Protein backbone atom coordinates (compact mmCIF):
# COMPACT_ATOMS: atom_id res chain seq x y z
CA MET A 1 100.54 89.35 94.61
CA HIS A 2 101.05 88.87 98.36
CA SER A 3 100.14 91.99 100.30
CA GLU A 4 102.23 91.27 103.42
CA LEU A 5 99.89 93.57 105.32
CA THR A 6 98.26 92.39 108.52
CA ILE A 7 95.27 93.73 110.37
CA SER A 8 94.94 93.34 114.12
CA HIS A 9 91.36 92.97 115.26
CA ALA A 10 92.59 93.65 118.80
CA ASP A 11 93.92 97.07 117.74
CA ARG A 12 91.48 99.84 118.67
CA ARG A 13 92.31 101.87 115.57
CA PRO A 14 89.97 101.47 112.59
CA MET A 15 91.11 98.84 110.11
CA TYR A 16 91.39 101.33 107.25
CA LEU A 17 93.87 103.37 109.34
CA GLN A 18 95.94 100.23 109.99
CA ILE A 19 96.07 99.58 106.24
CA MET A 20 97.03 103.19 105.53
CA GLU A 21 99.76 103.15 108.18
CA GLN A 22 101.31 99.95 106.85
CA ILE A 23 101.29 101.16 103.25
CA ARG A 24 102.79 104.52 104.27
CA HIS A 25 105.44 102.66 106.26
CA ARG A 26 106.41 100.45 103.29
CA VAL A 27 106.64 103.48 101.02
CA ALA A 28 108.62 105.52 103.57
CA LEU A 29 111.12 102.69 104.05
CA GLY A 30 111.52 102.31 100.30
CA ASP A 31 110.12 98.76 100.26
CA TRP A 32 107.49 99.98 97.83
CA LYS A 33 109.09 102.41 95.41
CA PRO A 34 107.33 104.95 93.16
CA GLY A 35 105.41 103.10 90.47
CA HIS A 36 105.06 99.94 92.59
CA GLU A 37 101.67 98.33 91.96
CA LEU A 38 99.58 97.85 95.08
CA PRO A 39 97.38 94.80 95.52
CA SER A 40 93.91 95.25 94.06
CA ILE A 41 91.24 96.34 96.51
CA ARG A 42 89.58 92.92 96.32
CA ALA A 43 92.85 90.99 96.72
CA LEU A 44 93.87 93.05 99.74
CA ALA A 45 90.41 92.68 101.28
CA VAL A 46 90.66 88.89 100.96
CA SER A 47 94.25 88.65 102.27
CA THR A 48 93.60 90.91 105.27
CA ARG A 49 90.10 89.55 105.91
CA VAL A 50 88.42 92.94 105.86
CA SER A 51 85.65 94.31 103.68
CA VAL A 52 86.24 95.76 100.23
CA ILE A 53 84.75 99.02 101.55
CA THR A 54 87.44 99.21 104.25
CA VAL A 55 90.28 98.78 101.76
CA LYS A 56 88.65 101.19 99.33
CA ARG A 57 88.46 103.84 102.06
CA ALA A 58 92.17 103.37 102.87
CA TYR A 59 93.11 103.66 99.19
CA LEU A 60 90.94 106.78 98.72
CA GLU A 61 92.56 108.44 101.76
CA LEU A 62 96.05 107.51 100.54
CA GLU A 63 95.22 108.89 97.11
CA ARG A 64 93.89 112.12 98.66
CA ASP A 65 97.17 112.40 100.60
CA GLY A 66 99.20 111.94 97.40
CA VAL A 67 100.77 108.65 98.49
CA ILE A 68 99.20 106.55 95.74
CA VAL A 69 97.57 107.11 92.37
CA THR A 70 94.78 105.02 90.87
CA ARG A 71 94.52 104.53 87.14
CA GLN A 72 91.11 103.41 85.97
CA GLY A 73 91.28 99.83 84.72
CA LYS A 74 94.99 99.49 85.61
CA GLY A 75 95.13 99.55 89.41
CA SER A 76 96.72 101.57 92.21
CA PHE A 77 100.39 102.51 92.31
CA VAL A 78 102.79 104.33 94.62
CA ALA A 79 102.86 107.96 93.49
CA GLU A 80 105.94 109.13 91.61
CA ASN A 81 106.68 112.28 93.63
CA VAL A 82 106.12 110.95 97.14
CA ASP A 83 108.67 111.76 99.86
CA LEU A 84 107.18 110.03 102.87
CA GLY A 85 110.46 109.71 104.73
CA THR A 86 110.63 113.48 105.19
CA GLN A 87 106.90 113.76 105.77
CA LEU A 88 106.99 111.10 108.52
CA ARG A 89 109.92 112.83 110.21
CA HIS A 90 107.95 116.09 110.22
CA GLU A 91 104.96 114.29 111.75
CA GLU A 92 107.23 112.75 114.39
CA LEU A 93 108.64 116.20 115.21
CA ASP A 94 105.12 117.62 115.48
CA GLN A 95 104.19 114.87 117.96
CA HIS A 96 107.25 115.62 120.10
CA LEU A 97 106.56 119.35 120.01
CA ALA A 98 102.93 118.78 121.03
CA ALA A 99 104.10 116.63 123.95
CA ALA A 100 106.63 119.30 124.98
CA ALA A 101 103.94 121.98 124.79
CA GLU A 102 101.64 119.90 126.99
CA ILE A 103 104.40 119.43 129.60
CA GLY A 104 105.10 123.16 129.43
CA ARG A 105 101.41 123.93 130.08
CA GLN A 106 101.45 121.55 133.06
CA LEU A 107 104.48 123.40 134.41
CA GLY A 108 102.78 126.76 133.90
CA LEU A 109 105.23 127.96 131.24
CA THR A 110 104.18 130.65 128.79
CA SER A 111 104.57 130.33 125.02
CA ASP A 112 107.54 132.71 125.22
CA ASP A 113 109.16 130.48 127.87
CA LEU A 114 108.68 127.44 125.62
CA LEU A 115 110.09 129.26 122.59
CA ALA A 116 113.15 130.35 124.57
CA ARG A 117 113.75 126.79 125.73
CA LEU A 118 113.34 125.49 122.17
CA ARG A 119 115.86 128.06 120.92
CA ASP A 120 118.31 126.96 123.64
CA ALA A 121 117.81 123.30 122.73
CA ALA A 122 118.30 124.06 119.03
CA GLU A 123 121.62 125.86 119.56
CA PRO A 124 124.66 123.67 118.83
CA PRO A 125 126.94 122.98 121.80
CA GLU A 126 129.64 125.61 122.23
CA GLY A 127 132.51 125.15 119.80
CA GLU A 128 130.45 123.15 117.30
CA GLU A 129 129.24 124.37 113.95
CA PRO A 130 125.52 124.02 113.20
CA GLY A 131 124.89 120.73 111.39
CA SER A 132 128.18 119.15 112.48
CA GLU A 133 127.98 116.08 114.63
CA GLU A 134 130.60 114.22 116.55
CA VAL A 135 131.16 110.61 115.62
CA ALA A 136 131.59 108.29 118.58
């Protein structure tokens, strides 16, 4: 089974995080659907040229996060009830909000100022219903 995962030794992030990110990405995109069998720890270690311990750590973290399940003697599989698409969008929103908060702090805005600006940004343009979007 070809893993199609690649590890960059030039990347500063730990290799186990690179593995986790790529697996999460495949699951979120729907490339690897619930029940999909992941490569064995040994096979993935060989194909990515990292240690078995590194792959095992990635799998343990993914299992702890509910992304995969491991069945003794059978292997690791994408969890049945995983909704990574939504989870990743929430994480992306959190990153944007953290960046906005940092800019607000640099500008000397209070939390109340930031909340007011967020409320203004969240309001639909005048004449539009919430949730409706114009199609160009």
